[in-house]
Structures are given as structure tokens and as C-alpha cells.
Amino acid sequence: MKTEKIYFENMYLDKLESEIVSIENGENSLLVELDKTIFFAEGGGQSCDLGYISDHRVQYVYEDGERIIHQVEMEGSELKEGDTILGAIDWSRRFDNMQRHCGEHILAGVMDREYGYTNRGFHMGDNYMTADFNFEKEGFRELSAFNQDTIDEIELYANKVIWEDLPVTIEQFDSLEEASLTKTRKPIEFEKDITVVTIGSFDNPRDCIACCGTHPDSTGQVGLLKIIKVEPYKGMWRFYFEAGAKAFKLLQVKANLLDQIEKDFSANDDNLLEALGKEKDKRSQAEYQLYSLQTSLSEMLAEKTLKLEVQDKYFVDGDMLDSKHASKLAQDLSEKLQGKALLVKNKDTLLVYSLNDKFKAGTTVKEFIAQNGGKGGGNDKSARIMLEDDAMEQFISQI
């Protein structure tokens, strides 16, 4: 049976009584088919609606031919075929999707109309949307790169479409012949049951495309659109962007972060980059000084160790060394302490070298980890082990 898609007739309807025409058991859920539904099924890059069917949570909605299947939680359910149920969608999620999907249409329309780029991919993720654009239209100059000025220009074009508060019209056609009379920016690939979304006038639309998603009645309800970044992707350009309430929240977070950074650096919008540049210079100088100090300390530890007279094992406490200096110290000493065993400690990591046939570094490390936990490994010539403080002391003592 073909499910009647009420969300195309009224995308603002958030509750609807329907009849269950079939119900079957799925994997840890019930698969419910209704005679009509306001639940949008996943498709066209847009996620499905969620919500409730008679107090039972709807976990997923998908199309199966002409049927729409609602995947409903099974626990405690008394739903049965023939029941009249009340379906209620999560309106906040629905309106987010309406804003975001319409935002994608606006951006794709700008890219097609102003730059000659065709949208060849679209995805609505939880944290951002992506759209992939390929240069295909004659009469335009292909851009070698999208610099920030161009991105800002595209963003401005898109938001101007929003500010104009243009009508968003949704038409349904039974045949391709009827739908082909519309001015879609891409050829329609379906033969029947076609939905076309038009932004602005029919004669000169800001965008017109076959689309099965949900959209608001006007572009003004999108609110705003923000391009996050643009990068090359499989010979195309991938745009990361947001629209609507999610774009607003994204800009709130970024504005609050910027405000806190400016406070931390006693700066403002005019001199923040200069303040960050000075801080970067200070950090580079501090890193160079630290590197020099660690190099000197490593040389002192090596000199001190080589002067020691030990029977078979050397232990070097290099807690003040970073991993790079500790590894170099261990390697340098291992070349000069043949016939001995060498342990070089660096914070929570211990480098173990076996410089004779009596002591097996890797075997010793693996046996200790098997009995006491920790991480590490290696071969019988060299190994490393990472342990908590007490366990590290126990391992060193055991060696």
C-alpha cells in the first residue's frame, strides 16, 4: 500500500492521527506502516524525523518502495494492525532540517547562478552540512581556488537570498513530462512522483530543483547561513556550512570563544592577531630554550653514567627529559655500554636495553605486563614499558 505523505501537504503539521495498516517484528523494534504519515523518511541527504507513535518512541523512518516504515521501540508496545494512533514528530529536529535543507538549496543556487558550479553531493551531518561542487557550466571562469574573499562573497550572496524572504514553493508532478516544464538547475532523473522545490519566482528562480526533503515556506525562516570552510575533494570543492538555528548556535560558540581569548590576551578585535603573534614568538623562544636545556641535561646524564662503575645494569633517571631526548640518550649510551643492561626512565615511560645475552629486554617487559598490567613491548635487544608510578618503581626494583 502506498503511504500518503502528509508532510508534503503541510510541513508545519506536528501531530496527526493515522491508522496502522501493517506491523511486524524487526530486530529489537517494531516495523509500523501507516496509511498516512507526517514523519519524513530519510533521503536526499536529509535525516528522518523522530518522535512518537502513541507514546512509543520512533527510532528511524525509511522508505520501502511506496511504503514508509516507522521503526518503533518494541518494549511495552501494544500496537496492532487497525489501531488508530497519534503520531507526533520532534518539531525542533524537523524545523532544523527544514532550515538546513533550504539553506543547501540557497547555497547551491548561488554557486550555479553566480559561479557556474554544480552541486554533486550533499550530506546533513549532526555538526555541519557538506556540499560538493564541480565546475560544469559554460559562460563562467573556473576558479583555481576559493580564497577567503570569494568565500565571503558567496556567503553574502546566500544571506541576501535569505534576507529577501522569498517564497519557497513545493510542487508535485505525476510525470517527468509535467515536471520538465519547471526551470530546474539540474535535469530531473525520475519518471514519476516528482517533487520540485522552487525558491523565488517561477520565471526567474533563485533555485529550482527536484527534491524530496522538507523546507520552510520562505527563505526568511532559514535565518542565516554560515560557510565554515572550503577544501578540495575528489576533484571538486567541498563546502562545510551550517544554516538556521544550528548556524546561530555555531556563531554563538565562536563569539564566546573569541571573547574569552581576547580577555586572556588583554586584546580586542583590532589587535588580537598581533597579540597572538607576540605570544607565538615567546613560545618559540621558550621551546628553543627548553630544547637547549634538555640537550645539556642529556649530555650531563650521559657523562655521569659513563663514569659509574656498575656490575651489570645501568639506571638513568631522565624524568626531566622529553621522549625525544630520552630516546637519543638511551641510544647513545647503548652504543658505549656493551655487555651491560640499560634502563632510561622518562616520566611514565621506561626504555630498556639489553646489551648482553643474559638479560632479555622484551621478554622481561612482556612478562611483567602479563602479571601486573601496563603497556609496552619490544624485542630482546630493546623495549619500552609504560606504567603507573607504583608499578614503575616495582618494575625497576625487580630489574
Protein backbone atom coordinates (compact mmCIF):
# COMPACT_ATOMS: atom_id res chain seq x y z
CA MET A 1 0.00 0.00 0.00
CA LYS A 2 1.25 3.50 -0.85
CA THR A 3 1.72 5.67 2.25
CA GLU A 4 0.21 9.14 1.95
CA LYS A 5 2.96 11.70 2.64
CA ILE A 6 1.14 14.40 4.58
CA TYR A 7 4.39 16.28 5.27
CA PHE A 8 4.43 17.40 1.62
CA GLU A 9 0.96 18.88 2.03
CA ASN A 10 1.75 20.64 5.32
CA MET A 11 5.33 20.65 6.58
CA TYR A 12 4.29 22.52 9.72
CA LEU A 13 1.92 19.82 10.96
CA ASP A 14 3.49 18.19 14.00
CA LYS A 15 0.66 15.81 15.09
CA LEU A 16 -1.59 13.52 13.05
CA GLU A 17 -3.99 10.64 13.64
CA SER A 18 -3.34 7.67 11.34
CA GLU A 19 -4.25 4.01 11.02
CA ILE A 20 -1.77 1.15 11.29
CA VAL A 21 -2.08 -0.87 8.07
CA SER A 22 0.67 -3.36 8.90
CA ILE A 23 3.01 -4.16 11.76
CA GLU A 24 5.79 -6.72 12.08
CA ASN A 25 8.70 -7.54 14.32
CA GLY A 26 12.11 -6.21 13.36
CA GLU A 27 15.43 -6.57 15.13
CA ASN A 28 14.68 -5.20 18.63
CA SER A 29 11.94 -2.98 17.20
CA LEU A 30 8.52 -2.92 15.55
CA LEU A 31 8.17 -2.02 11.87
CA VAL A 32 4.98 0.01 11.58
CA GLU A 33 3.30 1.09 8.33
CA LEU A 34 0.62 3.79 8.47
CA ASP A 35 -1.99 4.78 5.91
CA LYS A 36 -0.68 8.38 6.09
CA THR A 37 2.22 9.99 7.92
CA ILE A 38 3.84 13.27 8.88
CA PHE A 39 7.18 11.50 9.51
CA PHE A 40 9.75 12.32 6.82
CA ALA A 41 11.67 9.21 5.73
CA GLU A 42 15.45 9.53 5.39
CA GLY A 43 16.52 10.52 1.89
CA GLY A 44 18.10 13.18 -0.31
CA GLY A 45 20.89 13.77 2.18
CA GLN A 46 18.41 14.59 4.96
CA SER A 47 17.93 12.55 8.13
CA CYS A 48 14.48 11.24 9.04
CA ASP A 49 12.02 12.71 11.52
CA LEU A 50 11.92 11.25 15.01
CA GLY A 51 9.17 11.44 17.60
CA TYR A 52 6.42 9.21 19.00
CA ILE A 53 3.60 6.96 17.83
CA SER A 54 1.07 6.63 20.68
CA ASP A 55 3.78 7.21 23.33
CA HIS A 56 6.15 4.72 21.66
CA ARG A 57 9.44 6.25 20.52
CA VAL A 58 10.10 6.30 16.77
CA GLN A 59 13.76 5.35 16.27
CA TYR A 60 14.07 5.55 12.48
CA VAL A 61 11.89 6.13 9.38
CA TYR A 62 12.69 4.83 5.90
CA GLU A 63 11.06 4.16 2.53
CA ASP A 64 10.37 0.66 1.24
CA GLY A 65 9.10 1.17 -2.29
CA GLU A 66 5.94 3.24 -1.94
CA ARG A 67 5.62 2.35 1.74
CA ILE A 68 7.05 4.35 4.63
CA ILE A 69 8.23 2.21 7.53
CA HIS A 70 8.41 3.59 11.08
CA GLN A 71 10.86 1.71 13.27
CA VAL A 72 9.29 1.89 16.74
CA GLU A 73 10.60 0.76 20.13
CA MET A 74 9.27 -2.69 20.94
CA GLU A 75 9.39 -2.73 24.75
CA GLY A 76 5.96 -2.29 26.33
CA SER A 77 4.22 -1.85 22.97
CA GLU A 78 0.62 -2.99 22.49
CA LEU A 79 0.30 -1.60 18.96
CA LYS A 80 -1.61 -3.77 16.46
CA GLU A 81 -2.89 -3.60 12.91
CA GLY A 82 -6.03 -1.50 12.57
CA ASP A 83 -5.25 0.74 15.54
CA THR A 84 -5.75 4.49 15.19
CA ILE A 85 -2.64 6.15 16.56
CA LEU A 86 -1.46 9.69 17.19
CA GLY A 87 1.88 10.44 15.55
CA ALA A 88 3.91 13.35 16.92
CA ILE A 89 7.20 14.47 15.42
CA ASP A 90 10.11 16.14 17.22
CA TRP A 91 9.35 19.62 15.90
CA SER A 92 12.71 21.13 16.86
CA ARG A 93 14.52 18.47 14.80
CA ARG A 94 12.08 18.90 11.89
CA PHE A 95 12.47 22.69 11.76
CA ASP A 96 16.27 22.37 12.00
CA ASN A 97 16.14 20.07 8.97
CA MET A 98 13.80 22.43 7.11
CA GLN A 99 16.15 25.38 7.70
CA ARG A 100 19.27 23.41 6.85
CA HIS A 101 17.93 21.75 3.70
CA CYS A 102 16.60 25.06 2.38
CA GLY A 103 19.99 26.61 3.21
CA GLU A 104 21.62 23.99 0.98
CA HIS A 105 19.28 24.93 -1.88
CA ILE A 106 20.14 28.60 -1.45
CA LEU A 107 23.90 27.92 -1.45
CA ALA A 108 23.65 25.56 -4.44
CA GLY A 109 21.59 28.15 -6.31
CA VAL A 110 24.22 30.83 -5.69
CA MET A 111 27.03 28.52 -6.82
CA ASP A 112 25.16 27.63 -10.01
CA ARG A 113 23.87 31.10 -10.86
CA GLU A 114 26.89 33.23 -9.91
CA TYR A 115 29.89 30.90 -10.39
CA GLY A 116 28.88 28.06 -12.72
CA TYR A 117 29.42 25.27 -10.18
CA THR A 118 27.04 22.29 -9.94
CA ASN A 119 26.18 20.56 -6.68
CA ARG A 120 27.21 16.89 -6.99
CA GLY A 121 26.86 15.78 -3.37
CA PHE A 122 25.08 16.79 -0.18
CA HIS A 123 25.03 15.49 3.38
CA MET A 124 23.41 16.79 6.57
CA GLY A 125 25.59 15.70 9.49
CA ASP A 126 24.98 16.28 13.18
CA ASN A 127 27.57 19.06 13.49
CA TYR A 128 27.67 20.55 9.98
CA MET A 129 26.47 20.06 6.41
CA THR A 130 28.65 19.39 3.38
CA ALA A 131 28.03 20.06 -0.30
CA ASP A 132 30.39 19.08 -3.13
CA PHE A 133 30.60 21.41 -6.15
CA ASN A 134 32.07 20.74 -9.57
CA PHE A 135 32.67 23.35 -12.30
CA GLU A 136 30.41 22.40 -15.23
CA LYS A 137 28.60 25.47 -16.59
CA GLU A 138 29.61 27.31 -19.74
CA GLY A 139 29.95 31.08 -19.69
CA PHE A 140 31.84 31.17 -16.37
CA ARG A 141 35.52 31.17 -15.41
CA GLU A 142 36.63 28.22 -13.32
CA LEU A 143 38.22 29.26 -10.04
CA SER A 144 41.65 27.81 -9.28
CA ALA A 145 40.93 28.17 -5.57
CA PHE A 146 38.30 29.53 -3.21
CA ASN A 147 40.14 32.16 -1.15
CA GLN A 148 38.54 33.81 1.86
CA ASP A 149 37.36 36.85 -0.13
CA THR A 150 35.49 34.59 -2.56
CA ILE A 151 34.02 32.52 0.27
CA ASP A 152 32.82 35.71 2.00
CA GLU A 153 31.26 36.85 -1.26
CA ILE A 154 29.41 33.54 -1.72
CA GLU A 155 28.20 33.69 1.86
CA LEU A 156 26.91 37.24 1.36
CA TYR A 157 25.01 36.25 -1.82
CA ALA A 158 23.36 33.37 0.07
CA ASN A 159 22.34 35.51 3.03
CA LYS A 160 20.90 38.17 0.71
CA VAL A 161 18.53 35.49 -0.64
CA ILE A 162 17.52 34.77 2.96
CA TRP A 163 17.00 38.46 3.78
CA GLU A 164 14.72 38.89 0.76
CA ASP A 165 12.31 36.42 2.42
CA LEU A 166 11.42 34.81 -0.90
CA PRO A 167 8.66 32.22 -1.20
CA VAL A 168 9.62 28.53 -1.19
CA THR A 169 7.14 26.60 -3.32
CA ILE A 170 6.78 22.83 -3.40
CA GLU A 171 5.05 21.23 -6.39
CA GLN A 172 4.32 17.56 -7.01
CA PHE A 173 4.08 16.11 -10.51
CA ASP A 174 2.83 12.73 -11.68
CA SER A 175 5.11 12.59 -14.73
CA LEU A 176 8.50 13.75 -15.97
CA GLU A 177 6.78 15.49 -18.87
CA GLU A 178 4.91 17.78 -16.47
CA ALA A 179 7.89 18.35 -14.18
CA SER A 180 10.17 19.21 -17.12
CA LEU A 181 8.27 22.47 -17.63
CA THR A 182 9.93 23.83 -14.46
CA LYS A 183 13.32 25.60 -14.62
CA THR A 184 15.37 23.13 -12.59
CA ARG A 185 19.14 23.74 -12.43
CA LYS A 186 19.78 20.02 -12.99
CA PRO A 187 17.93 17.51 -15.19
CA ILE A 188 15.25 15.52 -13.37
CA GLU A 189 16.18 11.85 -13.08
CA PHE A 190 12.79 10.41 -12.05
CA GLU A 191 9.93 9.32 -14.30
CA LYS A 192 7.01 9.84 -11.89
CA ASP A 193 6.01 11.03 -8.42
CA ILE A 194 8.33 14.04 -8.68
CA THR A 195 8.61 16.87 -6.15
CA VAL A 196 10.16 20.17 -7.29
CA VAL A 197 11.21 22.92 -4.89
CA THR A 198 11.37 26.48 -6.25
CA ILE A 199 12.86 29.47 -4.41
CA GLY A 200 11.58 32.83 -5.61
CA SER A 201 9.63 33.32 -8.83
CA PHE A 202 8.91 30.52 -11.29
CA ASP A 203 10.15 32.62 -14.22
CA ASN A 204 13.48 33.59 -12.67
CA PRO A 205 14.03 31.38 -9.60
CA ARG A 206 16.92 31.76 -7.19
CA ASP A 207 16.92 27.98 -7.15
CA CYS A 208 14.76 25.23 -8.62
CA ILE A 209 15.49 21.55 -8.12
CA ALA A 210 13.78 18.18 -7.76
CA CYS A 211 13.98 17.38 -4.04
CA CYS A 212 12.19 15.09 -1.59
CA GLY A 213 13.20 16.99 1.57
CA THR A 214 11.30 19.32 3.90
CA HIS A 215 11.57 23.12 3.63
CA PRO A 216 10.07 26.25 5.21
CA ASP A 217 7.54 28.42 3.36
CA SER A 218 10.01 31.27 2.85
CA THR A 219 13.76 31.85 2.82
CA GLY A 220 13.50 34.31 5.71
CA GLN A 221 12.74 31.39 8.03
CA VAL A 222 16.20 29.97 7.31
CA GLY A 223 17.58 32.86 9.36
CA LEU A 224 21.20 32.79 8.25
CA LEU A 225 23.84 30.69 6.52
CA LYS A 226 27.48 30.35 7.56
CA ILE A 227 30.25 28.74 5.50
CA ILE A 228 32.69 27.04 7.88
CA LYS A 229 35.44 26.05 5.44
CA VAL A 230 36.10 25.01 1.83
CA GLU A 231 38.59 22.35 0.73
CA PRO A 232 39.45 20.27 -2.37
CA TYR A 233 37.64 16.92 -2.50
CA LYS A 234 37.96 14.27 -5.26
CA GLY A 235 38.48 16.84 -7.99
CA MET A 236 35.64 19.00 -6.66
CA TRP A 237 35.28 21.56 -3.86
CA ARG A 238 33.67 20.53 -0.58
CA PHE A 239 31.85 23.24 1.35
CA TYR A 240 31.29 22.79 5.07
CA PHE A 241 28.46 25.03 6.22
CA GLU A 242 25.50 25.49 8.54
CA ALA A 243 22.12 27.20 8.33
CA GLY A 244 19.31 28.22 10.64
CA ALA A 245 19.37 27.65 14.39
CA LYS A 246 22.45 25.43 14.12
CA ALA A 247 24.36 28.23 12.36
CA PHE A 248 23.24 30.66 15.06
CA LYS A 249 24.45 28.33 17.84
CA LEU A 250 27.75 27.79 16.00
CA LEU A 251 28.36 31.54 15.80
CA GLN A 252 27.40 31.95 19.47
CA VAL A 253 30.03 29.38 20.48
CA LYS A 254 32.68 31.00 18.27
CA ALA A 255 31.85 34.52 19.52
CA ASN A 256 32.08 33.39 23.16
CA LEU A 257 35.40 31.65 22.48
CA LEU A 258 36.76 34.76 20.76
CA ASP A 259 35.62 36.93 23.67
CA GLN A 260 37.39 34.66 26.17
CA ILE A 261 40.59 34.58 24.09
CA GLU A 262 40.60 38.39 23.86
CA LYS A 263 40.23 38.61 27.64
CA ASP A 264 43.03 36.09 28.19
CA PHE A 265 45.39 38.09 25.95
CA SER A 266 44.17 41.55 27.03
CA ALA A 267 43.31 42.25 23.39
CA ASN A 268 40.36 43.21 21.18
CA ASP A 269 39.24 42.59 17.59
CA ASP A 270 41.73 45.16 16.29
CA ASN A 271 44.90 43.82 17.89
CA LEU A 272 44.19 40.16 18.74
CA LEU A 273 46.25 38.78 15.85
CA GLU A 274 49.18 40.98 16.87
CA ALA A 275 48.88 39.77 20.47
CA LEU A 276 48.75 36.14 19.33
CA GLY A 277 51.81 36.71 17.12
CA LYS A 278 53.79 38.01 20.08
CA GLU A 279 52.69 35.04 22.17
CA LYS A 280 53.75 32.68 19.39
CA ASP A 281 57.20 34.30 19.32
CA LYS A 282 57.51 33.92 23.10
CA ARG A 283 56.52 30.28 22.85
CA SER A 284 59.04 29.59 20.09
CA GLN A 285 61.78 31.20 22.18
CA ALA A 286 60.75 29.19 25.26
CA GLU A 287 60.69 25.95 23.24
CA TYR A 288 64.20 26.67 21.90
CA GLN A 289 65.48 27.37 25.41
CA LEU A 290 63.84 24.20 26.75
CA TYR A 291 65.35 22.17 23.92
CA SER A 292 68.80 23.57 24.67
CA LEU A 293 68.44 22.87 28.39
CA GLN A 294 67.29 19.30 27.78
CA THR A 295 70.18 18.73 25.37
CA SER A 296 72.62 19.95 28.03
CA LEU A 297 70.95 17.82 30.71
CA SER A 298 71.08 14.77 28.44
CA GLU A 299 74.81 15.28 27.85
CA MET A 300 75.42 15.67 31.61
CA LEU A 301 73.47 12.47 32.38
CA ALA A 302 75.43 10.58 29.73
CA GLU A 303 78.76 11.83 31.08
CA LYS A 304 77.77 10.97 34.66
CA THR A 305 76.53 7.50 33.69
CA LEU A 306 79.67 6.60 31.77
CA LYS A 307 81.79 7.43 34.85
CA LEU A 308 79.88 4.96 37.03
CA GLU A 309 81.30 1.55 37.84
CA VAL A 310 78.40 -0.95 37.95
CA GLN A 311 78.36 -4.70 37.70
CA ASP A 312 75.74 -5.36 35.02
CA LYS A 313 72.90 -2.80 34.90
CA TYR A 314 72.74 0.98 34.50
CA PHE A 315 69.71 3.07 35.53
CA VAL A 316 69.32 6.69 34.36
CA ASP A 317 66.57 8.86 35.85
CA GLY A 318 65.61 11.16 32.96
CA ASP A 319 62.28 12.46 34.29
CA MET A 320 63.15 15.98 33.14
CA LEU A 321 63.72 14.85 29.56
CA ASP A 322 61.12 14.67 26.82
CA SER A 323 60.70 11.42 24.90
CA LYS A 324 62.93 12.55 22.02
CA HIS A 325 65.90 13.39 24.28
CA ALA A 326 65.37 10.29 26.43
CA SER A 327 65.42 8.04 23.33
CA LYS A 328 68.57 9.69 22.00
CA LEU A 329 70.28 9.40 25.40
CA ALA A 330 69.40 5.71 25.60
CA GLN A 331 70.61 5.07 22.05
CA ASP A 332 73.90 6.92 22.60
CA LEU A 333 74.60 5.12 25.88
CA SER A 334 73.70 1.72 24.46
CA GLU A 335 76.47 2.09 21.90
CA LYS A 336 79.02 2.67 24.68
CA LEU A 337 77.87 0.24 27.38
CA GLN A 338 78.26 -3.06 25.58
CA GLY A 339 77.90 -6.11 27.81
CA LYS A 340 75.55 -4.33 30.25
CA ALA A 341 71.83 -3.66 30.59
CA LEU A 342 70.48 -0.10 30.43
CA LEU A 343 67.28 1.46 31.79
CA VAL A 344 66.41 5.09 30.96
CA LYS A 345 63.31 6.47 32.69
CA ASN A 346 61.28 9.30 31.16
CA LYS A 347 58.19 10.31 33.19
CA ASP A 348 55.89 7.26 32.88
CA THR A 349 57.95 5.52 30.19
CA LEU A 350 60.97 3.30 30.73
CA LEU A 351 63.36 2.43 27.91
CA VAL A 352 65.00 -0.96 28.43
CA TYR A 353 68.12 -2.05 26.51
CA SER A 354 69.81 -5.44 26.68
CA LEU A 355 73.45 -5.19 25.77
CA ASN A 356 74.33 -8.78 26.57
CA ASP A 357 72.81 -12.26 26.15
CA LYS A 358 71.90 -12.71 29.84
CA PHE A 359 69.10 -10.14 30.07
CA LYS A 360 66.18 -10.26 27.60
CA ALA A 361 64.55 -6.80 27.43
CA GLY A 362 61.36 -7.64 25.51
CA THR A 363 60.68 -10.89 27.36
CA THR A 364 61.12 -9.20 30.74
CA VAL A 365 58.75 -6.37 29.79
CA LYS A 366 56.04 -8.69 28.42
CA GLU A 367 56.16 -10.99 31.45
CA PHE A 368 55.74 -8.05 33.84
CA ILE A 369 52.83 -6.59 31.84
CA ALA A 370 51.11 -10.00 31.73
CA GLN A 371 51.18 -10.20 35.54
CA ASN A 372 50.76 -6.55 36.54
CA GLY A 373 49.15 -4.71 33.61
CA GLY A 374 50.53 -1.72 31.73
CA LYS A 375 51.58 -1.13 28.14
CA GLY A 376 54.73 -1.81 26.21
CA GLY A 377 56.66 -4.24 24.09
CA GLY A 378 59.77 -4.72 22.00
CA ASN A 379 62.37 -7.30 21.21
CA ASP A 380 65.04 -8.86 23.39
CA LYS A 381 67.55 -6.14 22.49
CA SER A 382 65.34 -3.12 23.25
CA ALA A 383 61.87 -2.47 24.64
CA ARG A 384 59.76 0.15 26.34
CA ILE A 385 57.22 -0.10 29.14
CA MET A 386 54.59 2.41 30.35
CA LEU A 387 53.34 2.01 33.92
CA GLU A 388 51.77 3.94 36.77
CA ASP A 389 54.20 5.27 39.39
CA ASP A 390 53.94 2.40 41.91
CA ALA A 391 54.18 -0.26 39.22
CA MET A 392 57.12 1.54 37.62
CA GLU A 393 59.01 1.51 40.92
CA GLN A 394 58.19 -2.18 41.31
CA PHE A 395 59.49 -2.99 37.83
CA ILE A 396 62.71 -1.03 38.31
CA SER A 397 63.25 -2.65 41.69
CA GLN A 398 62.65 -6.11 40.18
CA ILE A 399 65.22 -5.46 37.46
